[in-house]
Amino acid sequence: MAGLRLGPLLRYTDGSSATIWVETSRPCTAEVRCADGARGAARTFQVAGHHYALVPVTGLTPGTAPSYDVLLDGARVWPPPDSRFPPSLIRTPAAGEALRVTFGSCRWAAPPADGDDPVGPDALDSLAARVAAGGERPDVLLLLGDQVYADETSAATRRWLGARRDLADAPGAEVADYEEYTRLYHESWLDPEVRWLLSTVPTCMVFDDHDLIDDWNTSAAWLAGMRATPWWQERLLSGLMSYWVHQHLGNLPPAALAADPLYAAVLGSPDGTDALRAFAAGADADPAAVRWSYRRDFGRVRLLMVDTRAARVLDERHRAMLHPGEAAWLREQALTDRESYDHLLVGTSLPWLLPHLVHDLETWDAALCRGERGPRWARFGERLRRAADLEHWAAFPASFAELADLFARTGSGPAAPASVCVLSGDVHHAYVAEPAWPVGTAPGSRVLQLTCSPVHNSVPPTIRFGFRFGWSALARFLGRRLTRHGRCPRPAVNWRKQGGPWFGNQLMTLTLHGRSARLRLERARRDGTLATVRESVLTE
């Protein structure tokens, strides 16, 4: 008899359909039956000895929230008979309703030892507790990177790895292959509160560096060094394969899945491992051949989730956060049919606007690595870039300016949305920043950088001081001195911090209704609740 190993995860939803992801213990038919009669079924597919299904559910009614069961070969496996949580629901939005978008990043999923969590309470656990108690429920949850930490494993996972292979051999206590990646997802998504939350709140996901390795694709020199490492190729392929299975598939609407040749090949094969492995190898060889970015429309809210890791151009003379095809896709998605949306959300794991000193440091370092001050400074710049994680949008100056221009164009004219919000994580704290364009070029839309992380992680006190100092007047003075040394042009926009920095395990929620937008930041407390840190009106 087939069992449910992982899931269910409620992924895509619209007014009439949804997709639900599961991992099962053996090949079977996975079926979802809703209380209102909507249903769907799918046969499992196999990758590296594991069995998965993405079940399309059709016949849903807009504005309803039916409960659902999961059956494997006709036997009910969800909800569990001893569940302490309410039934899992598929809530479909109705036209004109407010949309609540909750987002965050960086969830180190190690379970606490003896009840003592070394990085504090998990914000997703706290959110699950509130939703289970009948409190406010997000309409969609955006997980903006570092869903798993391939290079920072827990004590329990290290013991499991040690029973499987010799940790004296590289990559040591980091994950090495697909099977070890599945261990990370099980550790993360089998947390009881999180498992239930992901079964009842739709999620959109995108990777960041720790999903593969810290500093993934920082530079051409970094990549050349990693490719010379014996264990890297298997790690990379396994990371991309597991991301496609566990995260990427659920990001896509049913129509896109139906047109996806890789998905068809995996479904049509007794074992999709070779097809998926070949795809991952092709993605590594030619990043322009694969698009991990995607678009979702929620009524009159448009979400563009942008891959800022695999889509990079790393040649120092042509360095770009997004290769030309990806940049063109982003422009097209933002500028097409602007009259059809009131708010544009751009999900990018890495913040566009940083504390001023950090921005200037990254821009200066990019100039050094490009050779503006000669080869000795270039070598220093590369060492500094890796040591200090200088790899955000500011480290790709041309891409930073292109994004500023895109937001100005998107936010101008009679079809401009009320807001353009850049949603980011990565930096283990939260803040709000607002750009200002030169006189005569400012968009009519309100443009904001909303950064929120971690969901469950920590930041050392020295780094906290650095982030606070980075916004100060002295920091701006020091930053300008650095950029003059690097012969760097002034950035395309100026910006000011409107709130923060805030530290702790936290989540932000945008409530969007018509042309209005409201923001709330909440921090997880040790009593299992979420405390409001900041509420503000972004647009009326």
Protein backbone atom coordinates (compact mmCIF):
# COMPACT_ATOMS: atom_id res chain seq x y z
CA MET A 1 0.00 0.00 0.00
CA ALA A 2 1.33 3.42 -0.96
CA GLY A 3 2.04 5.92 1.80
CA LEU A 4 2.41 9.70 1.84
CA ARG A 5 6.08 10.55 2.44
CA LEU A 6 5.90 14.32 2.01
CA GLY A 7 3.19 16.86 1.40
CA PRO A 8 0.58 17.66 0.40
CA LEU A 9 1.71 21.12 -0.69
CA LEU A 10 -0.92 23.45 -2.13
CA ARG A 11 0.91 25.29 -4.88
CA TYR A 12 -0.87 26.99 -7.79
CA THR A 13 -4.41 28.33 -7.34
CA ASP A 14 -6.72 30.50 -9.41
CA GLY A 15 -10.48 30.93 -9.49
CA SER A 16 -11.27 27.42 -10.73
CA SER A 17 -8.17 25.22 -10.47
CA ALA A 18 -5.23 24.32 -8.26
CA THR A 19 -2.24 21.99 -8.13
CA ILE A 20 -1.21 19.87 -5.15
CA TRP A 21 2.25 18.28 -4.86
CA VAL A 22 2.97 15.03 -3.01
CA GLU A 23 5.77 12.52 -2.55
CA THR A 24 4.68 8.92 -2.09
CA SER A 25 6.39 5.74 -0.95
CA ARG A 26 5.77 3.82 -4.19
CA PRO A 27 4.21 4.25 -7.64
CA CYS A 28 0.49 4.93 -7.40
CA THR A 29 -2.35 7.17 -8.46
CA ALA A 30 -2.66 10.27 -6.30
CA GLU A 31 -6.13 11.75 -6.06
CA VAL A 32 -7.50 14.93 -4.46
CA ARG A 33 -11.20 15.08 -3.55
CA CYS A 34 -12.73 18.34 -2.37
CA ALA A 35 -15.79 18.62 -0.18
CA ASP A 36 -17.63 20.55 -2.90
CA GLY A 37 -17.09 17.83 -5.52
CA ALA A 38 -14.04 19.28 -7.27
CA ARG A 39 -11.33 16.71 -7.78
CA GLY A 40 -8.24 15.67 -9.70
CA ALA A 41 -5.89 12.73 -10.08
CA ALA A 42 -2.40 12.05 -11.41
CA ARG A 43 -0.11 9.08 -11.75
CA THR A 44 3.21 9.42 -9.91
CA PHE A 45 6.49 9.92 -11.73
CA GLN A 46 9.87 8.64 -10.58
CA VAL A 47 13.16 10.51 -10.06
CA ALA A 48 16.18 8.85 -8.43
CA GLY A 49 14.08 6.20 -6.72
CA HIS A 50 11.53 8.70 -5.34
CA HIS A 51 7.90 8.97 -6.45
CA TYR A 52 6.06 12.27 -6.89
CA ALA A 53 2.83 13.62 -8.28
CA LEU A 54 1.55 17.08 -9.05
CA VAL A 55 -2.22 16.71 -8.98
CA PRO A 56 -4.28 19.21 -11.02
CA VAL A 57 -7.61 19.97 -9.33
CA THR A 58 -10.38 21.41 -11.50
CA GLY A 59 -13.99 22.39 -11.01
CA LEU A 60 -13.38 24.78 -8.11
CA THR A 61 -15.76 27.70 -7.55
CA PRO A 62 -14.32 31.22 -7.16
CA GLY A 63 -14.68 32.67 -3.69
CA THR A 64 -14.99 29.32 -1.92
CA ALA A 65 -12.72 27.36 0.41
CA PRO A 66 -13.57 23.64 0.31
CA SER A 67 -11.65 21.17 2.44
CA TYR A 68 -9.91 18.33 0.63
CA ASP A 69 -8.63 14.80 1.15
CA VAL A 70 -5.66 13.09 -0.52
CA LEU A 71 -6.03 9.46 -1.58
CA LEU A 72 -3.37 7.09 -2.90
CA ASP A 73 -4.74 4.20 -4.95
CA GLY A 74 -8.12 4.93 -3.40
CA ALA A 75 -6.98 4.91 0.25
CA ARG A 76 -7.20 8.19 2.18
CA VAL A 77 -3.82 9.37 3.53
CA TRP A 78 -4.56 13.06 4.24
CA PRO A 79 -5.58 14.40 6.62
CA PRO A 80 -4.02 11.92 9.06
CA PRO A 81 -6.55 10.32 11.39
CA ASP A 82 -4.81 11.77 14.45
CA SER A 83 -4.34 15.29 13.04
CA ARG A 84 -4.57 18.13 15.58
CA PHE A 85 -5.02 20.70 12.81
CA PRO A 86 -8.18 21.87 11.03
CA PRO A 87 -8.95 20.42 7.57
CA SER A 88 -6.72 21.60 4.74
CA LEU A 89 -8.53 23.99 2.40
CA ILE A 90 -8.22 25.17 -1.18
CA ARG A 91 -9.32 28.78 -1.03
CA THR A 92 -10.00 30.27 -4.46
CA PRO A 93 -10.02 34.06 -4.80
CA ALA A 94 -13.11 35.96 -5.87
CA ALA A 95 -12.93 39.02 -8.10
CA GLY A 96 -12.58 42.27 -6.18
CA GLU A 97 -11.42 40.74 -2.89
CA ALA A 98 -8.39 42.06 -1.04
CA LEU A 99 -5.25 39.98 -1.62
CA ARG A 100 -2.94 39.17 1.29
CA VAL A 101 0.63 38.33 0.22
CA THR A 102 2.98 37.11 2.96
CA PHE A 103 6.67 36.78 2.18
CA GLY A 104 10.07 36.03 3.67
CA SER A 105 13.22 34.02 3.05
CA CYS A 106 16.05 32.09 4.67
CA ARG A 107 14.53 29.24 6.66
CA TRP A 108 17.12 27.02 8.31
CA ALA A 109 14.92 24.08 9.17
CA ALA A 110 16.99 22.29 11.80
CA PRO A 111 14.67 21.03 14.55
CA PRO A 112 15.40 22.39 18.03
CA ALA A 113 17.24 20.12 20.42
CA ASP A 114 15.33 19.47 23.67
CA GLY A 115 13.00 22.36 22.89
CA ASP A 116 15.82 24.94 22.73
CA ASP A 117 15.97 26.51 19.28
CA PRO A 118 19.40 28.11 18.76
CA VAL A 119 18.09 30.66 16.24
CA GLY A 120 14.79 31.46 17.93
CA PRO A 121 11.17 30.66 17.06
CA ASP A 122 10.29 29.77 13.47
CA ALA A 123 8.06 32.44 11.91
CA LEU A 124 6.31 29.84 9.73
CA ASP A 125 5.43 27.79 12.82
CA SER A 126 3.95 30.93 14.37
CA LEU A 127 2.00 31.72 11.20
CA ALA A 128 0.66 28.16 11.12
CA ALA A 129 -0.51 28.45 14.73
CA ARG A 130 -2.42 31.65 13.96
CA VAL A 131 -4.07 30.26 10.83
CA ALA A 132 -4.97 27.00 12.62
CA ALA A 133 -6.63 29.01 15.40
CA GLY A 134 -8.84 30.78 12.87
CA GLY A 135 -6.73 33.93 12.54
CA GLU A 136 -5.83 35.84 9.41
CA ARG A 137 -4.82 33.59 6.52
CA PRO A 138 -2.53 34.70 3.68
CA ASP A 139 -3.89 34.25 0.18
CA VAL A 140 -0.41 33.33 -1.01
CA LEU A 141 2.94 32.74 0.67
CA LEU A 142 6.10 33.78 -1.21
CA LEU A 143 9.28 31.96 -0.16
CA LEU A 144 12.10 34.06 -1.57
CA GLY A 145 15.06 31.70 -1.41
CA ASP A 146 17.08 29.46 0.89
CA GLN A 147 14.23 27.02 1.44
CA VAL A 148 16.95 24.46 2.27
CA TYR A 149 20.58 24.91 3.30
CA ALA A 150 22.74 22.50 1.34
CA ASP A 151 25.91 23.85 2.92
CA GLU A 152 24.76 24.31 6.54
CA THR A 153 23.27 21.04 7.72
CA SER A 154 21.78 20.32 11.14
CA ALA A 155 23.28 17.98 13.72
CA ALA A 156 20.63 15.37 12.90
CA THR A 157 21.37 15.56 9.19
CA ARG A 158 25.11 15.39 9.81
CA ARG A 159 24.59 12.16 11.75
CA TRP A 160 22.49 10.79 8.89
CA LEU A 161 25.17 11.80 6.36
CA GLY A 162 27.87 10.22 8.52
CA ALA A 163 26.01 6.91 8.50
CA ARG A 164 25.87 7.08 4.71
CA ARG A 165 29.44 8.10 3.82
CA ASP A 166 32.74 9.26 5.29
CA LEU A 167 32.44 12.95 6.22
CA ALA A 168 36.22 13.27 6.04
CA ASP A 169 35.78 13.26 2.25
CA ALA A 170 34.57 16.37 0.44
CA PRO A 171 32.04 17.90 0.61
CA GLY A 172 32.05 16.75 4.22
CA ALA A 173 28.90 17.57 6.16
CA GLU A 174 27.31 19.35 3.19
CA VAL A 175 24.93 17.51 0.87
CA ALA A 176 26.48 15.71 -2.07
CA ASP A 177 23.74 14.16 -4.22
CA TYR A 178 20.02 13.97 -4.94
CA GLU A 179 19.26 11.54 -2.12
CA GLU A 180 20.85 13.88 0.39
CA TYR A 181 18.83 16.80 -0.98
CA THR A 182 15.64 14.83 -0.34
CA ARG A 183 16.75 14.57 3.29
CA LEU A 184 16.83 18.39 3.52
CA TYR A 185 13.31 18.73 2.12
CA HIS A 186 12.00 16.07 4.49
CA GLU A 187 13.61 17.82 7.45
CA SER A 188 12.13 21.15 6.38
CA TRP A 189 8.65 20.20 5.21
CA LEU A 190 7.81 17.46 7.73
CA ASP A 191 7.79 19.97 10.58
CA PRO A 192 4.13 19.38 11.66
CA GLU A 193 3.08 23.05 11.73
CA VAL A 194 4.82 23.86 8.46
CA ARG A 195 3.51 20.72 6.78
CA TRP A 196 -0.05 21.70 7.59
CA LEU A 197 0.51 25.36 6.65
CA LEU A 198 1.89 24.40 3.24
CA SER A 199 -1.10 22.11 2.70
CA THR A 200 -3.60 24.95 3.08
CA VAL A 201 -1.85 28.18 1.95
CA PRO A 202 -0.70 28.41 -1.71
CA THR A 203 3.03 28.98 -2.15
CA CYS A 204 5.31 30.48 -4.78
CA MET A 205 9.03 29.74 -4.44
CA VAL A 206 12.38 30.70 -5.92
CA PHE A 207 15.92 29.60 -5.07
CA ASP A 208 18.83 31.56 -3.66
CA ASP A 209 22.44 30.58 -3.04
CA HIS A 210 22.11 28.23 -0.05
CA ASP A 211 19.69 26.07 -2.00
CA LEU A 212 22.91 25.12 -3.83
CA ILE A 213 25.86 26.66 -1.95
CA ASP A 214 26.81 29.98 -0.37
CA ASP A 215 27.91 32.55 -2.99
CA TRP A 216 26.53 30.48 -5.87
CA ASN A 217 27.61 32.18 -9.13
CA THR A 218 29.32 35.09 -7.40
CA SER A 219 31.85 35.50 -10.22
CA ALA A 220 33.51 33.79 -13.18
CA ALA A 221 36.58 33.09 -11.06
CA TRP A 222 34.40 31.52 -8.34
CA LEU A 223 32.64 29.33 -10.89
CA ALA A 224 35.90 28.19 -12.51
CA GLY A 225 37.24 27.21 -9.10
CA MET A 226 34.08 25.26 -8.25
CA ARG A 227 34.07 23.45 -11.58
CA ALA A 228 37.59 22.24 -10.83
CA THR A 229 36.33 20.71 -7.57
CA PRO A 230 35.57 16.97 -7.95
CA TRP A 231 32.29 17.00 -6.02
CA TRP A 232 30.75 20.17 -7.46
CA GLN A 233 29.18 18.80 -10.63
CA GLU A 234 27.15 16.19 -8.78
CA ARG A 235 26.08 18.76 -6.19
CA LEU A 236 25.01 21.23 -8.87
CA LEU A 237 23.04 18.72 -10.92
CA SER A 238 21.38 17.27 -7.82
CA GLY A 239 20.51 20.74 -6.55
CA LEU A 240 18.87 21.79 -9.81
CA MET A 241 17.07 18.45 -10.18
CA SER A 242 15.69 18.58 -6.65
CA TYR A 243 14.68 22.23 -7.07
CA TRP A 244 12.76 21.38 -10.27
CA VAL A 245 10.92 18.55 -8.52
CA HIS A 246 10.24 20.10 -5.12
CA GLN A 247 9.85 23.80 -5.91
CA HIS A 248 9.75 24.78 -9.58
CA LEU A 249 6.98 22.47 -10.83
CA GLY A 250 4.48 23.87 -8.38
CA ASN A 251 5.21 27.43 -9.46
CA LEU A 252 3.73 26.82 -12.90
CA PRO A 253 0.08 26.99 -13.94
CA PRO A 254 -1.49 23.85 -15.46
CA ALA A 255 -1.35 25.30 -18.99
CA ALA A 256 2.41 25.87 -18.72
CA LEU A 257 2.91 22.37 -17.34
CA ALA A 258 0.93 20.88 -20.22
CA ALA A 259 3.25 22.62 -22.70
CA ASP A 260 6.49 21.74 -20.89
CA PRO A 261 8.48 19.13 -22.87
CA LEU A 262 10.58 18.12 -19.86
CA TYR A 263 7.52 17.51 -17.72
CA ALA A 264 6.02 15.43 -20.54
CA ALA A 265 9.24 13.43 -20.84
CA VAL A 266 9.41 12.76 -17.10
CA LEU A 267 5.74 11.76 -16.95
CA GLY A 268 6.07 9.55 -20.01
CA SER A 269 9.07 7.59 -18.75
CA PRO A 270 9.20 4.79 -16.18
CA ASP A 271 12.12 6.70 -14.66
CA GLY A 272 12.59 10.40 -15.36
CA THR A 273 16.04 10.64 -13.76
CA ASP A 274 18.07 10.69 -16.98
CA ALA A 275 15.83 13.25 -18.68
CA LEU A 276 15.93 15.53 -15.66
CA ARG A 277 19.68 15.12 -15.23
CA ALA A 278 20.25 16.03 -18.88
CA PHE A 279 18.08 19.11 -18.41
CA ALA A 280 20.09 20.18 -15.35
CA ALA A 281 23.36 19.69 -17.24
CA GLY A 282 22.01 21.81 -20.09
CA ALA A 283 20.96 24.53 -17.64
CA ASP A 284 24.51 24.59 -16.27
CA ALA A 285 26.11 24.69 -19.72
CA ASP A 286 23.80 27.41 -21.07
CA PRO A 287 21.81 29.41 -18.50
CA ALA A 288 19.95 31.18 -21.32
CA ALA A 289 18.40 27.84 -22.37
CA VAL A 290 16.33 27.58 -19.17
CA ARG A 291 13.94 30.02 -17.51
CA TRP A 292 13.42 29.60 -13.78
CA SER A 293 11.64 32.96 -13.53
CA TYR A 294 7.86 33.01 -13.84
CA ARG A 295 4.79 35.21 -13.74
CA ARG A 296 1.64 34.83 -11.67
CA ASP A 297 -1.45 37.03 -11.84
CA PHE A 298 -3.74 37.32 -8.80
CA GLY A 299 -6.67 39.35 -10.06
CA ARG A 300 -5.25 42.85 -10.52
CA VAL A 301 -1.92 42.04 -8.87
CA ARG A 302 0.95 40.86 -11.05
CA LEU A 303 3.83 38.90 -9.53
CA LEU A 304 7.13 38.44 -11.38
CA MET A 305 9.46 36.02 -9.60
CA VAL A 306 12.96 36.58 -10.93
CA ASP A 307 15.89 34.16 -10.94
CA THR A 308 18.91 36.15 -9.74
CA ARG A 309 21.26 33.15 -9.40
CA ALA A 310 21.31 30.89 -12.44
CA ALA A 311 20.55 33.65 -14.98
CA ARG A 312 23.72 35.68 -14.38
CA VAL A 313 26.36 36.75 -16.90
CA LEU A 314 29.70 36.46 -15.06
CA ASP A 315 32.18 37.82 -17.62
CA GLU A 316 33.69 40.83 -15.81
CA ARG A 317 33.45 43.05 -18.88
CA HIS A 318 29.78 42.19 -19.51
CA ARG A 319 28.67 41.36 -15.99
CA ALA A 320 24.87 41.23 -15.56
CA MET A 321 22.44 39.93 -12.99
CA LEU A 322 20.20 38.69 -15.83
CA HIS A 323 21.35 37.47 -19.23
CA PRO A 324 19.84 39.41 -22.17
CA GLY A 325 16.98 36.97 -22.76
CA GLU A 326 15.98 37.00 -19.11
CA ALA A 327 16.18 40.79 -18.92
CA ALA A 328 13.99 41.08 -22.03
CA TRP A 329 11.46 38.69 -20.47
CA LEU A 330 11.30 40.81 -17.31
CA ARG A 331 10.76 44.01 -19.31
CA GLU A 332 8.04 42.42 -21.41
CA GLN A 333 6.17 41.00 -18.42
CA ALA A 334 6.29 44.32 -16.55
CA LEU A 335 5.31 46.56 -19.45
CA THR A 336 2.72 44.42 -21.25
CA ASP A 337 -0.94 45.20 -20.47
CA ARG A 338 -0.15 47.53 -17.58
CA GLU A 339 -3.77 48.60 -17.50
CA SER A 340 -4.67 45.06 -16.37
CA TYR A 341 -2.95 45.35 -12.98
CA ASP A 342 -2.95 47.80 -10.07
CA HIS A 343 0.17 46.53 -8.32
CA LEU A 344 3.39 45.00 -9.62
CA LEU A 345 5.33 42.72 -7.27
CA VAL A 346 8.87 41.81 -8.31
CA GLY A 347 10.20 38.91 -6.27
CA THR A 348 13.99 38.83 -6.31
CA SER A 349 15.81 36.98 -3.55
CA LEU A 350 18.53 39.66 -3.51
CA PRO A 351 17.55 43.24 -2.60
CA TRP A 352 17.74 45.90 -5.28
CA LEU A 353 18.25 48.75 -2.79
CA LEU A 354 20.74 48.16 0.04
CA PRO A 355 22.13 50.28 2.88
CA HIS A 356 24.13 53.02 1.14
CA LEU A 357 27.56 51.92 2.32
CA VAL A 358 26.90 48.32 1.27
CA HIS A 359 25.71 49.48 -2.15
CA ASP A 360 28.77 51.67 -2.67
CA LEU A 361 31.10 48.93 -1.44
CA GLU A 362 29.64 46.46 -3.95
CA THR A 363 29.79 48.98 -6.82
CA TRP A 364 33.40 49.86 -5.96
CA ASP A 365 34.34 46.19 -5.71
CA ALA A 366 32.75 45.48 -9.10
CA ALA A 367 34.89 48.25 -10.60
CA LEU A 368 38.04 46.81 -9.03
CA CYS A 369 37.25 43.31 -10.32
CA ARG A 370 36.62 44.80 -13.75
CA GLY A 371 40.17 46.16 -13.71
CA GLU A 372 39.51 49.89 -13.26
CA ARG A 373 42.47 50.20 -10.86
CA GLY A 374 44.74 47.54 -12.34
CA PRO A 375 45.40 43.83 -11.82
CA ARG A 376 46.54 44.00 -8.18
CA TRP A 377 43.35 45.79 -7.16
CA ALA A 378 41.36 43.32 -9.28
CA ARG A 379 42.79 40.39 -7.33
CA PHE A 380 42.01 42.17 -4.06
CA GLY A 381 38.48 42.90 -5.27
CA GLU A 382 37.81 39.24 -6.03
CA ARG A 383 39.01 38.16 -2.59
CA LEU A 384 36.86 40.84 -0.95
CA ARG A 385 33.82 39.96 -3.05
CA ARG A 386 33.85 36.37 -1.84
CA ALA A 387 34.73 37.14 1.77
CA ALA A 388 32.01 39.79 2.18
CA ASP A 389 29.29 38.32 -0.10
CA LEU A 390 29.34 41.35 -2.41
CA GLU A 391 26.97 39.99 -5.05
CA HIS A 392 23.65 41.85 -4.89
CA TRP A 393 22.19 44.05 -7.65
CA ALA A 394 24.72 46.76 -6.74
CA ALA A 395 27.53 44.36 -7.69
CA PHE A 396 26.06 44.34 -11.22
CA PRO A 397 25.91 48.12 -11.82
CA ALA A 398 24.48 47.95 -15.33
CA SER A 399 21.69 45.64 -14.17
CA PHE A 400 20.95 47.92 -11.20
CA ALA A 401 20.52 50.86 -13.60
CA GLU A 402 18.39 48.81 -16.00
CA LEU A 403 16.06 47.84 -13.18
CA ALA A 404 15.72 51.50 -12.15
CA ASP A 405 14.85 52.41 -15.74
CA LEU A 406 12.30 49.58 -15.96
CA PHE A 407 10.57 50.70 -12.78
CA ALA A 408 10.47 54.30 -14.02
CA ARG A 409 8.91 53.18 -17.31
CA THR A 410 6.47 50.82 -15.62
CA GLY A 411 5.37 53.48 -13.16
CA SER A 412 4.87 56.29 -15.70
CA GLY A 413 1.95 57.29 -17.88
CA PRO A 414 -1.81 56.79 -17.62
CA ALA A 415 -1.54 52.98 -17.32
CA ALA A 416 0.88 53.12 -14.39
CA PRO A 417 0.08 50.86 -11.43
CA ALA A 418 -0.44 52.28 -7.96
CA SER A 419 2.70 50.58 -6.67
CA VAL A 420 5.79 48.68 -7.76
CA CYS A 421 7.14 46.66 -4.84
CA VAL A 422 10.45 44.79 -4.92
CA LEU A 423 10.18 41.87 -2.50
CA SER A 424 13.49 40.46 -1.28
CA GLY A 425 15.22 38.54 1.48
CA ASP A 426 18.76 37.15 1.84
CA VAL A 427 20.27 39.73 4.21
CA HIS A 428 18.82 38.43 7.52
CA HIS A 429 17.03 41.59 8.51
CA ALA A 430 14.08 43.66 7.34
CA TYR A 431 13.77 47.22 6.08
CA VAL A 432 11.79 49.46 3.75
CA ALA A 433 13.56 51.76 1.28
CA GLU A 434 12.16 54.16 -1.31
CA PRO A 435 14.00 55.39 -4.43
CA ALA A 436 13.90 58.93 -5.80
CA TRP A 437 14.57 59.70 -9.47
CA PRO A 438 16.00 62.95 -10.89
CA VAL A 439 13.48 65.74 -11.35
CA GLY A 440 11.36 65.17 -14.44
CA THR A 441 11.97 61.42 -14.63
CA ALA A 442 10.18 60.20 -11.48
CA PRO A 443 7.38 57.66 -12.03
CA GLY A 444 3.85 58.28 -10.81
CA SER A 445 3.69 54.89 -9.12
CA ARG A 446 5.09 54.47 -5.65
CA VAL A 447 8.19 52.27 -5.89
CA LEU A 448 9.45 50.49 -2.75
CA GLN A 449 12.09 47.99 -1.73
CA LEU A 450 10.54 45.64 0.87
CA THR A 451 13.13 43.33 2.38
CA CYS A 452 12.22 40.62 4.90
CA SER A 453 14.42 37.85 6.27
CA PRO A 454 15.05 35.54 7.95
CA VAL A 455 12.06 33.29 8.51
CA HIS A 456 14.20 31.13 10.77
CA ASN A 457 17.88 32.00 11.10
CA SER A 458 20.15 34.46 12.88
CA VAL A 459 22.61 37.28 12.31
CA PRO A 460 25.67 37.99 14.49
CA PRO A 461 25.74 41.25 16.52
CA THR A 462 28.65 42.59 14.45
CA ILE A 463 26.64 42.21 11.26
CA ARG A 464 23.65 43.90 12.90
CA PHE A 465 25.85 46.87 13.71
CA GLY A 466 27.12 46.94 10.13
CA PHE A 467 23.64 47.04 8.64
CA ARG A 468 22.58 49.83 10.99
CA PHE A 469 25.75 51.81 10.31
CA GLY A 470 25.34 51.32 6.55
CA TRP A 471 22.40 53.77 6.46
CA SER A 472 24.17 56.55 8.40
CA ALA A 473 25.48 59.87 7.07
CA LEU A 474 29.05 58.84 7.86
CA ALA A 475 28.52 55.63 5.91
CA ARG A 476 27.32 57.61 2.90
CA PHE A 477 30.45 59.77 3.08
CA LEU A 478 32.70 56.71 3.23
CA GLY A 479 30.79 55.09 0.38
CA ARG A 480 31.28 58.11 -1.87
CA ARG A 481 35.01 57.99 -1.22
CA LEU A 482 35.09 54.35 -2.29
CA THR A 483 33.15 54.96 -5.50
CA ARG A 484 35.44 57.86 -6.43
CA HIS A 485 38.43 55.56 -6.01
CA GLY A 486 36.75 53.01 -8.27
CA ARG A 487 35.81 55.66 -10.86
CA CYS A 488 32.18 54.58 -10.52
CA PRO A 489 29.34 56.68 -11.93
CA ARG A 490 26.65 57.83 -9.54
CA PRO A 491 23.71 55.40 -9.25
CA ALA A 492 20.68 55.95 -11.45
CA VAL A 493 18.51 56.71 -8.40
CA ASN A 494 18.90 57.92 -4.85
CA TRP A 495 16.98 56.25 -2.03
CA ARG A 496 16.09 56.67 1.61
CA LYS A 497 15.35 54.18 4.33
CA GLN A 498 11.68 54.46 5.34
CA GLY A 499 11.82 51.90 8.13
CA GLY A 500 14.18 49.47 9.87
CA PRO A 501 16.48 47.78 10.12
CA TRP A 502 14.53 45.19 12.11
CA PHE A 503 16.02 41.91 13.29
CA GLY A 504 14.53 38.58 14.31
CA ASN A 505 12.60 35.76 12.64
CA GLN A 506 9.93 37.64 10.75
CA LEU A 507 7.43 37.87 7.90
CA MET A 508 5.99 40.77 5.93
CA THR A 509 2.42 40.88 4.63
CA LEU A 510 1.11 43.12 1.87
CA THR A 511 -2.65 43.65 1.76
CA LEU A 512 -3.67 44.86 -1.70
CA HIS A 513 -7.21 46.01 -2.50
CA GLY A 514 -7.96 48.07 -5.56
CA ARG A 515 -5.28 50.79 -5.69
CA SER A 516 -4.53 50.61 -1.96
CA ALA A 517 -1.58 48.79 -0.41
CA ARG A 518 -0.83 48.24 3.26
CA LEU A 519 2.24 46.64 4.80
CA ARG A 520 2.67 44.78 8.09
CA LEU A 521 5.89 43.36 9.54
CA GLU A 522 5.57 40.67 12.22
CA ARG A 523 8.21 39.00 14.37
CA ALA A 524 7.95 35.50 15.85
CA ARG A 525 7.87 35.39 19.65
CA ARG A 526 8.89 32.52 21.89
CA ASP A 527 5.29 32.03 22.99
CA GLY A 528 4.47 30.89 19.44
CA THR A 529 2.69 34.07 18.35
CA LEU A 530 3.51 36.79 15.83
CA ALA A 531 3.99 40.32 17.20
CA THR A 532 3.34 43.31 14.94
CA VAL A 533 6.49 45.41 14.57
CA ARG A 534 5.34 47.89 11.94
CA GLU A 535 2.16 48.71 10.03
CA SER A 536 2.01 51.35 7.33
CA VAL A 537 -0.10 52.54 4.43
CA LEU A 538 1.87 52.43 1.16
CA THR A 539 -0.83 53.67 -1.20
CA GLU A 540 -4.40 54.83 -0.59
